[in-house]
Each structure stands twice: as C-alpha cells, then as structure tokens.
C-alpha atoms as a PDB file:
ATOM      1  CA  MET A   1     -14.039   1.140  -3.255  1.00  0.00           C
ATOM      2  CA  ASN A   2     -12.059  -0.472  -0.439  1.00  0.00           C
ATOM      3  CA  PRO A   3     -13.413  -4.005   0.141  1.00  0.00           C
ATOM      4  CA  PHE A   4     -12.259  -3.836   3.772  1.00  0.00           C
ATOM      5  CA  SER A   5     -13.991  -0.547   4.631  1.00  0.00           C
ATOM      6  CA  GLY A   6     -17.450  -1.910   5.495  1.00  0.00           C
ATOM      7  CA  PRO A   7     -18.640  -2.601   9.036  1.00  0.00           C
ATOM      8  CA  GLY A   8     -17.208  -5.736  10.571  1.00  0.00           C
ATOM      9  CA  ARG A   9     -14.497  -6.145   7.950  1.00  0.00           C
ATOM     10  CA  GLY A  10     -11.535  -5.160  10.129  1.00  0.00           C
ATOM     11  CA  TRP A  11     -11.086  -8.733  11.277  1.00  0.00           C
ATOM     12  CA  MET A  12     -10.276  -9.700   7.682  1.00  0.00           C
ATOM     13  CA  LEU A  13      -7.252  -7.396   7.699  1.00  0.00           C
ATOM     14  CA  ALA A  14      -6.051  -8.750  11.031  1.00  0.00           C
ATOM     15  CA  ALA A  15      -6.596 -12.341   9.919  1.00  0.00           C
ATOM     16  CA  GLY A  16      -4.741 -11.755   6.651  1.00  0.00           C
ATOM     17  CA  TYR A  17      -1.833 -10.145   8.455  1.00  0.00           C
ATOM     18  CA  LEU A  18      -1.592 -12.920  11.041  1.00  0.00           C
ATOM     19  CA  LEU A  19      -1.802 -15.540   8.294  1.00  0.00           C
ATOM     20  CA  LEU A  20       1.125 -13.959   6.445  1.00  0.00           C
ATOM     21  CA  ALA A  21       3.128 -13.729   9.667  1.00  0.00           C
ATOM     22  CA  ALA A  22       2.382 -17.305  10.774  1.00  0.00           C
ATOM     23  CA  PRO A  23       5.347 -19.673  10.305  1.00  0.00           C
ATOM     24  CA  PRO A  24       3.728 -22.116   7.827  1.00  0.00           C
ATOM     25  CA  LEU A  25       2.745 -19.561   5.172  1.00  0.00           C
ATOM     26  CA  ARG A  26       5.633 -17.231   5.924  1.00  0.00           C
ATOM     27  CA  GLY A  27       8.147 -20.030   5.564  1.00  0.00           C
ATOM     28  CA  TRP A  28       6.568 -21.259   2.335  1.00  0.00           C
ATOM     29  CA  LEU A  29       6.581 -17.805   0.737  1.00  0.00           C
ATOM     30  CA  GLU A  30      10.124 -17.052   1.868  1.00  0.00           C
ATOM     31  CA  ALA A  31      11.437 -20.397   0.602  1.00  0.00           C
ATOM     32  CA  GLY A  32      11.369 -19.067  -2.968  1.00  0.00           C
ATOM     33  CA  MET A  33      12.866 -15.784  -4.092  1.00  0.00           C
ATOM     34  CA  VAL A  34      10.010 -15.052  -6.504  1.00  0.00           C
ATOM     35  CA  SER A  35       7.277 -15.708  -3.944  1.00  0.00           C
ATOM     36  CA  HIS A  36       9.194 -13.731  -1.317  1.00  0.00           C
ATOM     37  CA  MET A  37       9.548 -10.556  -3.395  1.00  0.00           C
ATOM     38  CA  LEU A  38       6.555 -10.729  -5.743  1.00  0.00           C
ATOM     39  CA  VAL A  39       3.935 -12.273  -3.439  1.00  0.00           C
ATOM     40  CA  GLN A  40       4.726 -11.672   0.230  1.00  0.00           C
ATOM     41  CA  LEU A  41       6.009  -8.099  -0.050  1.00  0.00           C
ATOM     42  CA  PRO A  42       3.115  -6.836  -2.246  1.00  0.00           C
ATOM     43  CA  LEU A  43       0.572  -8.529   0.038  1.00  0.00           C
ATOM     44  CA  LEU A  44       1.993  -6.698   3.055  1.00  0.00           C
ATOM     45  CA  VAL A  45       1.834  -3.422   1.125  1.00  0.00           C
ATOM     46  CA  GLY A  46      -1.748  -4.167   0.085  1.00  0.00           C
ATOM     47  CA  LEU A  47      -2.817  -4.849   3.675  1.00  0.00           C
ATOM     48  CA  GLY A  48      -1.367  -1.507   4.728  1.00  0.00           C
ATOM     49  CA  ALA A  49      -3.215   0.273   1.924  1.00  0.00           C
ATOM     50  CA  ALA A  50      -6.503  -1.412   2.886  1.00  0.00           C
ATOM     51  CA  ALA A  51      -6.008  -0.499   6.560  1.00  0.00           C
ATOM     52  CA  VAL A  52      -6.191   3.213   5.725  1.00  0.00           C
ATOM     53  CA  ALA A  53      -9.992   2.931   5.793  1.00  0.00           C
ATOM     54  CA  TRP A  54      -9.726   2.149   9.513  1.00  0.00           C
ATOM     55  CA  LEU A  55      -7.551   5.104  10.494  1.00  0.00           C
ATOM     56  CA  PRO A  56      -9.312   7.498  12.887  1.00  0.00           C
ATOM     57  CA  ALA A  57     -10.522  10.664  11.163  1.00  0.00           C
ATOM     58  CA  GLY A  58      -8.259  12.815  13.340  1.00  0.00           C
ATOM     59  CA  TRP A  59      -5.168  10.883  12.304  1.00  0.00           C
ATOM     60  CA  ARG A  60      -6.079  11.172   8.647  1.00  0.00           C
ATOM     61  CA  ARG A  61      -6.549  14.933   8.942  1.00  0.00           C
ATOM     62  CA  ARG A  62      -3.146  15.312  10.593  1.00  0.00           C
ATOM     63  CA  LEU A  63      -1.475  13.159   7.953  1.00  0.00           C
ATOM     64  CA  ASP A  64      -3.187  15.068   5.152  1.00  0.00           C
ATOM     65  CA  GLY A  65      -2.024  18.321   6.718  1.00  0.00           C
ATOM     66  CA  CYS A  66       1.644  17.347   6.369  1.00  0.00           C
ATOM     67  CA  ASN A  67       1.239  15.650   2.986  1.00  0.00           C
ATOM     68  CA  ALA A  68       1.116  18.559   0.550  1.00  0.00           C
ATOM     69  CA  ALA A  69      -0.081  17.322  -2.874  1.00  0.00           C
ATOM     70  CA  GLY A  70       0.662  13.777  -1.689  1.00  0.00           C
ATOM     71  CA  LEU A  71       4.406  14.155  -2.296  1.00  0.00           C
ATOM     72  CA  PRO A  72       5.997  13.730   1.180  1.00  0.00           C
ATOM     73  CA  LEU A  73       4.324  10.406   1.956  1.00  0.00           C
ATOM     74  CA  THR A  74       4.878   9.194  -1.606  1.00  0.00           C
ATOM     75  CA  LEU A  75       8.623   9.790  -1.270  1.00  0.00           C
ATOM     76  CA  LEU A  76       8.600   7.956   2.063  1.00  0.00           C
ATOM     77  CA  ALA A  77       6.888   4.994   0.399  1.00  0.00           C
ATOM     78  CA  LEU A  78       9.329   4.983  -2.540  1.00  0.00           C
ATOM     79  CA  PHE A  79      12.436   4.931  -0.356  1.00  0.00           C
ATOM     80  CA  SER A  80      10.975   2.279   1.958  1.00  0.00           C
ATOM     81  CA  ALA A  81       9.959   0.032  -0.948  1.00  0.00           C
ATOM     82  CA  ALA A  82      13.350   0.434  -2.645  1.00  0.00           C
ATOM     83  CA  TYR A  83      15.094  -0.691   0.550  1.00  0.00           C
ATOM     84  CA  TRP A  84      13.193  -3.971   0.718  1.00  0.00           C
ATOM     85  CA  MET A  85      13.890  -4.765  -2.920  1.00  0.00           C
ATOM     86  CA  LEU A  86      17.653  -4.851  -2.288  1.00  0.00           C
ATOM     87  CA  PRO A  87      19.252  -8.323  -2.044  1.00  0.00           C
ATOM     88  CA  ARG A  88      20.962  -7.446   1.231  1.00  0.00           C
ATOM     89  CA  SER A  89      17.623  -6.512   2.800  1.00  0.00           C
ATOM     90  CA  LEU A  90      16.023  -9.811   1.801  1.00  0.00           C
ATOM     91  CA  ASP A  91      18.958 -11.695   3.320  1.00  0.00           C
ATOM     92  CA  ALA A  92      18.772  -9.662   6.516  1.00  0.00           C
ATOM     93  CA  ALA A  93      15.061 -10.379   6.898  1.00  0.00           C
ATOM     94  CA  LEU A  94      15.705 -14.122   6.638  1.00  0.00           C
ATOM     95  CA  ASN A  95      18.764 -14.169   8.900  1.00  0.00           C
ATOM     96  CA  ALA A  96      17.765 -11.780  11.695  1.00  0.00           C
ATOM     97  CA  PRO A  97      14.373 -11.896  13.454  1.00  0.00           C
ATOM     98  CA  PRO A  98      14.469  -8.125  14.238  1.00  0.00           C
ATOM     99  CA  MET A  99      14.805  -7.398  10.500  1.00  0.00           C
ATOM    100  CA  GLU A 100      11.944  -9.780   9.740  1.00  0.00           C
ATOM    101  CA  LEU A 101       9.815  -7.859  12.239  1.00  0.00           C
ATOM    102  CA  ALA A 102      10.911  -4.575  10.661  1.00  0.00           C
ATOM    103  CA  LYS A 103       9.809  -5.877   7.256  1.00  0.00           C
ATOM    104  CA  PHE A 104       6.365  -6.881   8.520  1.00  0.00           C
ATOM    105  CA  LEU A 105       5.895  -3.485  10.181  1.00  0.00           C
ATOM    106  CA  SER A 106       7.479  -1.115   7.663  1.00  0.00           C
ATOM    107  CA  LEU A 107       5.880  -2.416   4.460  1.00  0.00           C
ATOM    108  CA  PRO A 108       2.276  -1.859   5.625  1.00  0.00           C
ATOM    109  CA  LEU A 109       3.017   1.322   7.618  1.00  0.00           C
ATOM    110  CA  LEU A 110       5.661   3.029   5.467  1.00  0.00           C
ATOM    111  CA  VAL A 111       4.668   1.842   1.978  1.00  0.00           C
ATOM    112  CA  GLY A 112       1.032   0.709   1.827  1.00  0.00           C
ATOM    113  CA  MET A 113      -0.557   3.365   4.027  1.00  0.00           C
ATOM    114  CA  PRO A 114       1.406   6.330   2.601  1.00  0.00           C
ATOM    115  CA  LEU A 115       0.576   5.311  -0.979  1.00  0.00           C
ATOM    116  CA  ALA A 116      -3.114   4.905  -0.178  1.00  0.00           C
ATOM    117  CA  LEU A 117      -3.212   8.281   1.577  1.00  0.00           C
ATOM    118  CA  SER A 118      -1.338  10.057  -1.223  1.00  0.00           C
ATOM    119  CA  TRP A 119      -2.661   8.557  -4.469  1.00  0.00           C
ATOM    120  CA  ARG A 120      -5.752  10.732  -4.894  1.00  0.00           C
ATOM    121  CA  ARG A 121      -3.838  13.845  -3.842  1.00  0.00           C
ATOM    122  CA  LEU A 122      -1.053  13.375  -6.375  1.00  0.00           C
ATOM    123  CA  PRO A 123      -1.211  15.468  -9.552  1.00  0.00           C
ATOM    124  CA  ALA A 124      -1.091  13.665 -12.883  1.00  0.00           C
ATOM    125  CA  ILE A 125       2.643  14.299 -13.247  1.00  0.00           C
ATOM    126  CA  GLY A 126       3.213  12.845  -9.782  1.00  0.00           C
ATOM    127  CA  ARG A 127       1.352   9.650 -10.657  1.00  0.00           C
ATOM    128  CA  GLY A 128       3.300   9.405 -13.902  1.00  0.00           C
ATOM    129  CA  PHE A 129       6.563   9.789 -11.996  1.00  0.00           C
ATOM    130  CA  LEU A 130       5.493   7.067  -9.577  1.00  0.00           C
ATOM    131  CA  TRP A 131       4.699   4.606 -12.376  1.00  0.00           C
ATOM    132  CA  SER A 132       7.903   5.420 -14.297  1.00  0.00           C
ATOM    133  CA  ASN A 133       9.976   5.043 -11.131  1.00  0.00           C
ATOM    134  CA  LEU A 134       8.409   1.654 -10.407  1.00  0.00           C
ATOM    135  CA  ILE A 135       8.964   0.369 -13.945  1.00  0.00           C
ATOM    136  CA  SER A 136      12.578   1.588 -14.083  1.00  0.00           C
ATOM    137  CA  MET A 137      13.302   0.016 -10.691  1.00  0.00           C
ATOM    138  CA  LEU A 138      11.837  -3.304 -11.862  1.00  0.00           C
ATOM    139  CA  VAL A 139      13.976  -3.194 -15.038  1.00  0.00           C
ATOM    140  CA  VAL A 140      17.192  -2.417 -13.142  1.00  0.00           C
ATOM    141  CA  LEU A 141      16.592  -5.111 -10.529  1.00  0.00           C
ATOM    142  CA  GLY A 142      15.474  -7.589 -13.179  1.00  0.00           C
ATOM    143  CA  TRP A 143      18.681  -7.040 -15.103  1.00  0.00           C
ATOM    144  CA  LEU A 144      20.761  -7.281 -11.910  1.00  0.00           C
ATOM    145  CA  TYR A 145      19.224 -10.574 -10.798  1.00  0.00           C
ATOM    146  CA  SER A 146      19.344 -12.043 -14.310  1.00  0.00           C
ATOM    147  CA  ALA A 147      22.910 -11.059 -15.191  1.00  0.00           C
ATOM    148  CA  ALA A 148      24.708 -11.518 -11.871  1.00  0.00           C
ATOM    149  CA  PRO A 149      27.129 -14.459 -12.243  1.00  0.00           C
ATOM    150  CA  VAL A 150      27.133 -15.158  -8.497  1.00  0.00           C
ATOM    151  CA  ARG A 151      24.510 -15.308  -5.802  1.00  0.00           C
ATOM    152  CA  VAL A 152      23.459 -11.834  -4.678  1.00  0.00           C
ATOM    153  CA  CYS A 153      21.338 -13.347  -1.870  1.00  0.00           C
ATOM    154  CA  THR A 154      23.111 -15.925   0.247  1.00  0.00           C
ATOM    155  CA  ASN A 155      19.805 -17.634   1.077  1.00  0.00           C
ATOM    156  CA  TYR A 156      18.836 -18.325  -2.541  1.00  0.00           C
ATOM    157  CA  LEU A 157      20.503 -20.195  -5.378  1.00  0.00           C
ATOM    158  CA  VAL A 158      21.524 -18.607  -8.680  1.00  0.00           C
ATOM    159  CA  ASP A 159      18.685 -20.262 -10.599  1.00  0.00           C
ATOM    160  CA  GLN A 160      16.138 -18.704  -8.211  1.00  0.00           C
ATOM    161  CA  GLN A 161      17.576 -15.223  -8.602  1.00  0.00           C
ATOM    162  CA  GLN A 162      17.652 -15.620 -12.386  1.00  0.00           C
ATOM    163  CA  LEU A 163      13.995 -16.679 -12.330  1.00  0.00           C
ATOM    164  CA  LEU A 164      13.205 -13.612 -10.227  1.00  0.00           C
ATOM    165  CA  GLY A 165      15.109 -11.430 -12.685  1.00  0.00           C
ATOM    166  CA  ARG A 166      13.070 -12.713 -15.615  1.00  0.00           C
ATOM    167  CA  SER A 167       9.863 -12.308 -13.621  1.00  0.00           C
ATOM    168  CA  LEU A 168      10.716  -8.692 -12.772  1.00  0.00           C
ATOM    169  CA  LEU A 169      11.468  -7.903 -16.418  1.00  0.00           C
ATOM    170  CA  LEU A 170       8.173  -9.484 -17.517  1.00  0.00           C
ATOM    171  CA  LEU A 171       6.327  -7.522 -14.845  1.00  0.00           C
ATOM    172  CA  ALA A 172       7.967  -4.289 -16.004  1.00  0.00           C
ATOM    173  CA  LEU A 173       7.006  -5.073 -19.611  1.00  0.00           C
ATOM    174  CA  GLY A 174       3.426  -5.833 -18.595  1.00  0.00           C
ATOM    175  CA  LEU A 175       3.087  -2.604 -16.612  1.00  0.00           C
ATOM    176  CA  ALA A 176       4.621  -0.542 -19.419  1.00  0.00           C
ATOM    177  CA  SER A 177       2.255  -2.111 -21.961  1.00  0.00           C
ATOM    178  CA  TRP A 178      -0.751  -1.492 -19.726  1.00  0.00           C
ATOM    179  CA  LEU A 179       0.188   2.158 -19.190  1.00  0.00           C
ATOM    180  CA  ALA A 180       0.817   2.642 -22.900  1.00  0.00           C
ATOM    181  CA  GLY A 181      -2.628   1.205 -23.595  1.00  0.00           C
ATOM    182  CA  ARG A 182      -4.217   3.643 -21.155  1.00  0.00           C
ATOM    183  CA  VAL A 183      -2.467   6.558 -22.834  1.00  0.00           C
ATOM    184  CA  LEU A 184      -3.395   5.443 -26.357  1.00  0.00           C
ATOM    185  CA  PHE A 185      -6.931   4.229 -25.742  1.00  0.00           C
ATOM    186  CA  GLY A 186      -8.082   6.307 -22.800  1.00  0.00           C
ATOM    187  CA  ALA A 187      -7.181   6.589 -19.139  1.00  0.00           C
ATOM    188  CA  GLY A 188     -10.458   5.311 -17.760  1.00  0.00           C
ATOM    189  CA  PRO A 189     -13.688   6.903 -16.563  1.00  0.00           C
ATOM    190  CA  GLY A 190     -11.967   9.011 -13.919  1.00  0.00           C
ATOM    191  CA  CYS A 191     -10.146  11.015 -16.570  1.00  0.00           C
ATOM    192  CA  ALA A 192     -12.905  11.273 -19.147  1.00  0.00           C
ATOM    193  CA  VAL A 193     -13.458  14.709 -20.648  1.00  0.00           C
ATOM    194  CA  GLN A 194     -16.830  16.148 -19.765  1.00  0.00           C
ATOM    195  CA  ARG A 195     -18.535  17.666 -22.775  1.00  0.00           C
ATOM    196  CA  PRO A 196     -21.509  20.059 -22.570  1.00  0.00           C
ATOM    197  CA  ARG A 197     -24.885  18.598 -23.464  1.00  0.00           C
ATOM    198  CA  PRO A 198     -27.853  20.542 -24.804  1.00  0.00           C
ATOM    199  CA  GLY A 199     -30.757  21.075 -22.467  1.00  0.00           C
ATOM    200  CA  ARG A 200     -34.390  21.502 -23.344  1.00  0.00           C
ATOM    201  CA  LEU A 201     -33.745  25.075 -24.500  1.00  0.00           C
ATOM    202  CA  GLY A 202     -30.681  24.170 -26.572  1.00  0.00           C
ATOM    203  CA  TRP A 203     -26.993  25.060 -25.961  1.00  0.00           C
ATOM    204  CA  SER A 204     -26.385  27.699 -23.345  1.00  0.00           C
ATOM    205  CA  ARG A 205     -24.692  30.864 -24.586  1.00  0.00           C
END
C-alpha cells in the first residue's frame, strides 16, 4: 500500500521533493559520492514512484494503454537510471545547473513513475530480468569504481569512488542473497500456490 495515497498526503511528496532540492540537504548529499548515488538518486526515484498514486485516472489509462505488459515503460526506466549511474553524468549534474535540474526531473518522471506503473503488469520473467539487470549493473559499476586507478569523477577523490565501489558490490551481494532466499524459501504471499480445501460435503469432483 502506498503510504502517500491517502487524502491530504500529497503535501508530504511536495515537501520531500523540495527538501531534497533545497541547497542545504542537496549540498550535503552531493558532497559525498556514496550519499549522492546511493541516497539522493534512490530518494528521487522513490518520490516519483509514490507520486503515481496522484496521477489523474485518465492519464493512468493512457499510460497503461501504451505500456503493453509493462515493458515499454520499464525499458525507459532502465535506460534513464543507467544514464545517471555513469560518472560523467554525476559530474555534469554537479558542474552544470541545467543538468542538475534534468536529474531532479528525470529520475522521478522517467524512472520512479514508469517502474511504479509497470511493476504489477510485468510477467515473472520480466521482473526477473529487471532484478538481474540491476544486480549486474551494480557489480559492473562497483568493479569500475573500485579498480579505477584514477578519478573517474572530477568532483570526487579516489578514496570516495573506491568507497562507492565497495558499497555497490555489497549492495549487489545483498540483493542477490535476498533474491536467492526468496527463490529457495518462498517468494512471499503474493506468489503462494492456492490449494483446494474441502467443503462441508467433502472434495468436489
């Protein structure tokens, strides 16, 4: 259940967005490479996902009509998220105000909202692809940031990018372990197998 979907909760989304965009918090999060990529970016995506509950019904119907099985908007979200995980994109957001604005607009609108609109429409194989793509991207970027002998972001020192690399690898390991646990020990109540139960007259034939 979306915690922002109840009456009178829209102001919480707006307040959260403005707080992230305000110079004090924005500057603090962007001062560290780990907090920039693993705190600020996911929070912007999460705000976009929560805002789906406030889309007008007509807009949602139109978006659903061009989002067959959830795949088109999922691909849009994947490409948009991959762009903002590149070192050059992080540098551009810090160096150019128009790119900073693009980050604050595109992550909620092109990543968070599309994922929220598509998740329930995706088939099981589509969700598996999404998780595997995320984990592989975290591993590749974690290795890149950890092994690069020079700064890949001009705004951050080598020790910060190495810390980010280790954090990304740990995150990938944690996600992979969690998914493996779901596969081995059950995928949760939404995927439980429904078994027939006898009624008062016994099993139906």
